[in-house]
């Protein structure tokens, strides 16, 4: 294996119950409820998950939700736009912390 990321491990996700079944069962029940149809469609939730997958940089999630969004009929432009939304939010979150730095510089300069 050339990296820590092994695509075959995605299929083993359910195996997390082997070491702590009670918590895994609760997690999977919650996960299933979150992704059930509600105020948002399953398609919308899948696009959100794809964007978040990129923001948290989870290669397993990126693979899973790339497949899921395609299965739910999302187009390549929609998928890439979701990724750009995640990138804009992540970039903005970094930049807004620049205000903290600016405040500190001003405080120290007084």
N, C-alpha and C. Protein backbone atom coordinates (compact mmCIF):
# COMPACT_ATOMS: atom_id res chain seq x y z
N UNK A 1 0.84 -1.17 0.00
CA UNK A 1 0.00 0.00 0.00
C UNK A 1 0.89 1.24 0.00
N UNK A 2 0.64 2.16 -0.93
CA UNK A 2 1.47 3.35 -1.08
C UNK A 2 0.99 4.55 -0.28
N UNK A 3 -0.17 4.45 0.34
CA UNK A 3 -0.67 5.58 1.12
C UNK A 3 -1.50 5.05 2.28
N UNK A 4 -1.83 5.95 3.20
CA UNK A 4 -2.69 5.57 4.32
C UNK A 4 -4.10 5.26 3.83
N UNK A 5 -4.48 5.87 2.75
CA UNK A 5 -5.82 5.71 2.20
C UNK A 5 -5.88 4.45 1.34
N UNK A 6 -6.72 3.53 1.74
CA UNK A 6 -6.93 2.31 0.98
C UNK A 6 -8.39 2.28 0.55
N UNK A 7 -8.68 2.50 -0.74
CA UNK A 7 -10.07 2.54 -1.18
C UNK A 7 -10.90 1.33 -0.76
N UNK A 8 -10.27 0.17 -0.63
CA UNK A 8 -11.00 -1.03 -0.23
C UNK A 8 -11.55 -0.92 1.19
N UNK A 9 -10.96 -0.05 2.02
CA UNK A 9 -11.42 0.10 3.39
C UNK A 9 -12.82 0.72 3.48
N UNK A 10 -13.23 1.46 2.48
CA UNK A 10 -14.57 2.06 2.49
C UNK A 10 -15.63 0.97 2.65
N UNK A 11 -15.43 -0.15 2.00
CA UNK A 11 -16.40 -1.26 2.09
C UNK A 11 -16.41 -1.88 3.49
N UNK A 12 -15.41 -1.58 4.29
CA UNK A 12 -15.31 -2.14 5.65
C UNK A 12 -15.89 -1.20 6.70
N UNK A 13 -16.48 -0.10 6.29
CA UNK A 13 -16.97 0.90 7.23
C UNK A 13 -17.89 0.29 8.28
N UNK A 14 -18.76 -0.59 7.86
CA UNK A 14 -19.68 -1.24 8.79
C UNK A 14 -18.97 -2.06 9.85
N UNK A 15 -17.73 -2.41 9.59
CA UNK A 15 -16.97 -3.22 10.54
C UNK A 15 -16.59 -2.47 11.81
N UNK A 16 -16.83 -1.16 11.85
CA UNK A 16 -16.47 -0.43 13.06
C UNK A 16 -17.25 -0.96 14.27
N UNK A 17 -18.34 -1.66 14.03
CA UNK A 17 -19.12 -2.24 15.12
C UNK A 17 -18.38 -3.36 15.84
N UNK A 18 -17.38 -3.94 15.20
CA UNK A 18 -16.65 -5.06 15.80
C UNK A 18 -16.02 -4.68 17.14
N UNK A 19 -15.55 -3.45 17.28
CA UNK A 19 -14.86 -3.06 18.51
C UNK A 19 -15.76 -2.32 19.48
N UNK A 20 -16.92 -1.84 19.03
CA UNK A 20 -17.83 -1.11 19.91
C UNK A 20 -19.21 -1.09 19.26
N UNK A 21 -19.92 -2.20 19.36
CA UNK A 21 -21.20 -2.36 18.67
C UNK A 21 -22.25 -1.33 19.11
N UNK A 22 -22.34 -1.08 20.41
CA UNK A 22 -23.37 -0.16 20.90
C UNK A 22 -23.25 1.22 20.25
N UNK A 23 -22.06 1.78 20.25
CA UNK A 23 -21.88 3.11 19.66
C UNK A 23 -22.05 3.08 18.14
N UNK A 24 -21.55 2.04 17.51
CA UNK A 24 -21.70 1.92 16.05
C UNK A 24 -23.18 1.85 15.67
N UNK A 25 -23.94 1.06 16.40
CA UNK A 25 -25.38 0.96 16.12
C UNK A 25 -26.06 2.31 16.25
N UNK A 26 -25.68 3.06 17.29
CA UNK A 26 -26.27 4.39 17.48
C UNK A 26 -25.85 5.34 16.36
N UNK A 27 -24.57 5.26 15.98
CA UNK A 27 -24.10 6.12 14.90
C UNK A 27 -24.84 5.81 13.60
N UNK A 28 -24.93 4.53 13.24
CA UNK A 28 -25.57 4.17 11.98
C UNK A 28 -27.07 4.49 11.98
N UNK A 29 -27.72 4.39 13.14
CA UNK A 29 -29.13 4.78 13.23
C UNK A 29 -29.26 6.29 12.99
N UNK A 30 -28.38 7.06 13.62
CA UNK A 30 -28.38 8.51 13.43
C UNK A 30 -28.07 8.87 11.98
N UNK A 31 -27.04 8.26 11.44
CA UNK A 31 -26.62 8.51 10.06
C UNK A 31 -27.76 8.24 9.09
N UNK A 32 -28.43 7.12 9.30
CA UNK A 32 -29.57 6.78 8.43
C UNK A 32 -30.70 7.78 8.55
N UNK A 33 -30.97 8.23 9.77
CA UNK A 33 -32.04 9.21 9.98
C UNK A 33 -31.68 10.55 9.33
N UNK A 34 -30.43 10.95 9.45
CA UNK A 34 -29.99 12.22 8.86
C UNK A 34 -30.18 12.21 7.35
N UNK A 35 -29.87 11.10 6.70
CA UNK A 35 -29.93 11.04 5.25
C UNK A 35 -31.29 10.63 4.70
N UNK A 36 -32.27 10.40 5.57
CA UNK A 36 -33.62 10.10 5.12
C UNK A 36 -34.25 11.37 4.54
N UNK A 37 -35.21 11.18 3.64
CA UNK A 37 -35.92 12.33 3.09
C UNK A 37 -36.53 13.14 4.22
N UNK A 38 -36.45 14.43 4.11
CA UNK A 38 -37.03 15.33 5.12
C UNK A 38 -37.29 16.66 4.47
N UNK A 39 -36.91 17.73 5.14
CA UNK A 39 -37.05 19.07 4.56
C UNK A 39 -36.16 19.18 3.31
N UNK A 40 -35.06 18.43 3.31
CA UNK A 40 -34.17 18.36 2.14
C UNK A 40 -34.36 17.01 1.47
N UNK A 41 -34.21 16.99 0.16
CA UNK A 41 -34.29 15.73 -0.56
C UNK A 41 -33.00 14.93 -0.35
N UNK A 42 -33.07 13.65 -0.63
CA UNK A 42 -31.87 12.81 -0.54
C UNK A 42 -30.80 13.33 -1.50
N UNK A 43 -31.22 13.83 -2.65
CA UNK A 43 -30.29 14.38 -3.64
C UNK A 43 -29.57 15.61 -3.09
N UNK A 44 -30.33 16.51 -2.46
CA UNK A 44 -29.73 17.70 -1.87
C UNK A 44 -28.75 17.34 -0.75
N UNK A 45 -29.15 16.39 0.07
CA UNK A 45 -28.29 15.95 1.17
C UNK A 45 -27.01 15.33 0.63
N UNK A 46 -27.11 14.62 -0.47
CA UNK A 46 -25.93 14.00 -1.06
C UNK A 46 -24.96 15.06 -1.58
N UNK A 47 -25.48 16.11 -2.20
CA UNK A 47 -24.61 17.21 -2.66
C UNK A 47 -23.94 17.92 -1.48
N UNK A 48 -24.69 18.11 -0.40
CA UNK A 48 -24.10 18.71 0.80
C UNK A 48 -22.99 17.82 1.33
N UNK A 49 -23.26 16.52 1.38
CA UNK A 49 -22.26 15.57 1.88
C UNK A 49 -21.02 15.57 0.99
N UNK A 50 -21.21 15.69 -0.31
CA UNK A 50 -20.06 15.76 -1.22
C UNK A 50 -19.22 17.00 -0.93
N UNK A 51 -19.89 18.13 -0.74
CA UNK A 51 -19.17 19.37 -0.45
C UNK A 51 -18.43 19.27 0.89
N UNK A 52 -19.10 18.78 1.92
CA UNK A 52 -18.48 18.65 3.23
C UNK A 52 -17.31 17.66 3.17
N UNK A 53 -17.47 16.61 2.38
CA UNK A 53 -16.39 15.63 2.22
C UNK A 53 -15.11 16.29 1.75
N UNK A 54 -15.25 17.24 0.85
CA UNK A 54 -14.08 17.96 0.36
C UNK A 54 -13.56 18.92 1.42
N UNK A 55 -14.46 19.57 2.15
CA UNK A 55 -14.02 20.52 3.18
C UNK A 55 -13.24 19.81 4.28
N UNK A 56 -13.69 18.61 4.66
CA UNK A 56 -12.97 17.88 5.72
C UNK A 56 -11.89 16.97 5.14
N UNK A 57 -11.80 16.94 3.84
CA UNK A 57 -10.77 16.20 3.09
C UNK A 57 -10.75 14.71 3.45
N UNK A 58 -11.92 14.09 3.38
CA UNK A 58 -12.04 12.66 3.65
C UNK A 58 -12.11 11.91 2.32
N UNK A 59 -11.05 11.21 1.93
CA UNK A 59 -11.07 10.53 0.64
C UNK A 59 -12.14 9.44 0.56
N UNK A 60 -12.44 8.80 1.68
CA UNK A 60 -13.49 7.78 1.67
C UNK A 60 -14.85 8.42 1.38
N UNK A 61 -15.11 9.54 2.04
CA UNK A 61 -16.37 10.25 1.84
C UNK A 61 -16.47 10.82 0.43
N UNK A 62 -15.36 11.32 -0.08
CA UNK A 62 -15.36 11.85 -1.46
C UNK A 62 -15.74 10.74 -2.43
N UNK A 63 -15.13 9.57 -2.27
CA UNK A 63 -15.49 8.44 -3.14
C UNK A 63 -16.96 8.07 -2.99
N UNK A 64 -17.40 7.91 -1.74
CA UNK A 64 -18.77 7.47 -1.48
C UNK A 64 -19.79 8.47 -2.02
N UNK A 65 -19.56 9.76 -1.77
CA UNK A 65 -20.57 10.73 -2.19
C UNK A 65 -20.43 11.17 -3.64
N UNK A 66 -19.29 10.91 -4.26
CA UNK A 66 -19.23 11.07 -5.72
C UNK A 66 -20.14 10.02 -6.36
N UNK A 67 -20.02 8.79 -5.90
CA UNK A 67 -20.90 7.73 -6.41
C UNK A 67 -22.35 8.02 -6.10
N UNK A 68 -22.62 8.44 -4.87
CA UNK A 68 -24.00 8.67 -4.44
C UNK A 68 -24.66 9.80 -5.23
N UNK A 69 -23.94 10.91 -5.42
CA UNK A 69 -24.53 12.02 -6.16
C UNK A 69 -24.80 11.63 -7.61
N UNK A 70 -23.88 10.86 -8.20
CA UNK A 70 -24.12 10.38 -9.57
C UNK A 70 -25.35 9.49 -9.62
N UNK A 71 -25.47 8.59 -8.65
CA UNK A 71 -26.63 7.69 -8.60
C UNK A 71 -27.93 8.46 -8.41
N UNK A 72 -27.87 9.60 -7.76
CA UNK A 72 -29.06 10.40 -7.52
C UNK A 72 -29.31 11.41 -8.64
N UNK A 73 -28.57 11.29 -9.73
CA UNK A 73 -28.83 12.10 -10.91
C UNK A 73 -28.17 13.46 -10.94
N UNK A 74 -27.21 13.70 -10.08
CA UNK A 74 -26.51 14.99 -10.10
C UNK A 74 -25.56 15.04 -11.29
N UNK A 75 -25.46 16.21 -11.87
CA UNK A 75 -24.57 16.39 -13.01
C UNK A 75 -23.17 16.77 -12.53
N UNK A 76 -22.21 16.62 -13.42
CA UNK A 76 -20.83 17.02 -13.09
C UNK A 76 -20.75 18.50 -12.72
N UNK A 77 -21.42 19.40 -13.48
CA UNK A 77 -21.37 20.82 -13.08
C UNK A 77 -21.97 21.06 -11.69
N UNK A 78 -23.05 20.36 -11.34
CA UNK A 78 -23.64 20.53 -10.01
C UNK A 78 -22.66 20.05 -8.93
N UNK A 79 -22.02 18.93 -9.18
CA UNK A 79 -21.07 18.38 -8.22
C UNK A 79 -19.90 19.34 -8.02
N UNK A 80 -19.36 19.85 -9.11
CA UNK A 80 -18.21 20.75 -9.00
C UNK A 80 -18.61 22.07 -8.35
N UNK A 81 -19.84 22.53 -8.62
CA UNK A 81 -20.30 23.75 -7.97
C UNK A 81 -20.39 23.55 -6.46
N UNK A 82 -20.85 22.38 -6.03
CA UNK A 82 -20.90 22.07 -4.60
C UNK A 82 -19.50 22.09 -4.00
N UNK A 83 -18.53 21.55 -4.72
CA UNK A 83 -17.14 21.56 -4.25
C UNK A 83 -16.63 22.99 -4.14
N UNK A 84 -16.99 23.83 -5.10
CA UNK A 84 -16.57 25.23 -5.04
C UNK A 84 -17.23 25.97 -3.88
N UNK A 85 -18.46 25.63 -3.56
CA UNK A 85 -19.11 26.23 -2.39
C UNK A 85 -18.30 25.88 -1.14
N UNK A 86 -17.92 24.60 -1.02
CA UNK A 86 -17.12 24.17 0.14
C UNK A 86 -15.79 24.91 0.17
N UNK A 87 -15.16 25.06 -0.99
CA UNK A 87 -13.87 25.76 -1.05
C UNK A 87 -14.02 27.23 -0.66
N UNK A 88 -15.10 27.87 -1.10
CA UNK A 88 -15.32 29.28 -0.76
C UNK A 88 -15.55 29.45 0.74
N UNK A 89 -16.32 28.56 1.33
CA UNK A 89 -16.58 28.64 2.77
C UNK A 89 -15.30 28.38 3.55
N UNK A 90 -14.56 27.37 3.13
CA UNK A 90 -13.31 27.04 3.83
C UNK A 90 -12.31 28.20 3.69
N UNK A 91 -12.20 28.76 2.49
CA UNK A 91 -11.30 29.90 2.28
C UNK A 91 -11.75 31.11 3.07
N UNK A 92 -13.04 31.37 3.07
CA UNK A 92 -13.57 32.51 3.83
C UNK A 92 -13.35 32.35 5.32
N UNK A 93 -13.50 31.13 5.81
CA UNK A 93 -13.27 30.87 7.23
C UNK A 93 -11.82 31.14 7.61
N UNK A 94 -10.91 30.81 6.72
CA UNK A 94 -9.49 31.10 6.97
C UNK A 94 -9.27 32.61 6.96
N UNK A 95 -9.81 33.28 5.96
CA UNK A 95 -9.58 34.72 5.83
C UNK A 95 -10.21 35.52 6.97
N UNK A 96 -11.40 35.14 7.42
CA UNK A 96 -12.04 35.91 8.48
C UNK A 96 -11.24 35.84 9.77
N UNK A 97 -10.46 34.78 9.94
CA UNK A 97 -9.59 34.72 11.12
C UNK A 97 -8.44 35.73 11.00
N UNK A 98 -8.24 36.25 9.80
CA UNK A 98 -7.27 37.33 9.63
C UNK A 98 -7.66 38.55 10.43
N UNK A 99 -8.95 38.74 10.69
CA UNK A 99 -9.41 39.85 11.51
C UNK A 99 -8.85 39.71 12.93
N UNK A 100 -8.81 38.49 13.43
CA UNK A 100 -8.23 38.24 14.75
C UNK A 100 -6.77 38.68 14.78
N UNK A 101 -6.04 38.32 13.73
CA UNK A 101 -4.64 38.72 13.62
C UNK A 101 -4.53 40.24 13.55
N UNK A 102 -5.38 40.87 12.75
CA UNK A 102 -5.34 42.33 12.63
C UNK A 102 -5.62 43.00 13.96
N UNK A 103 -6.62 42.47 14.69
CA UNK A 103 -6.93 43.03 16.02
C UNK A 103 -5.74 42.92 16.94
N UNK A 104 -5.06 41.79 16.92
CA UNK A 104 -3.90 41.58 17.78
C UNK A 104 -2.76 42.51 17.42
N UNK A 105 -2.51 42.68 16.12
CA UNK A 105 -1.46 43.61 15.66
C UNK A 105 -1.76 45.02 16.15
N UNK A 106 -3.01 45.45 16.01
CA UNK A 106 -3.41 46.79 16.45
C UNK A 106 -3.26 46.94 17.95
N UNK A 107 -3.62 45.89 18.68
CA UNK A 107 -3.49 45.91 20.14
C UNK A 107 -2.03 46.04 20.56
N UNK A 108 -1.16 45.29 19.91
CA UNK A 108 0.27 45.31 20.25
C UNK A 108 0.95 46.58 19.77
N UNK A 109 0.39 47.23 18.77
CA UNK A 109 0.98 48.45 18.22
C UNK A 109 0.63 49.69 19.03
N UNK A 110 -0.32 49.59 19.92
CA UNK A 110 -0.77 50.75 20.69
C UNK A 110 0.20 51.12 21.76
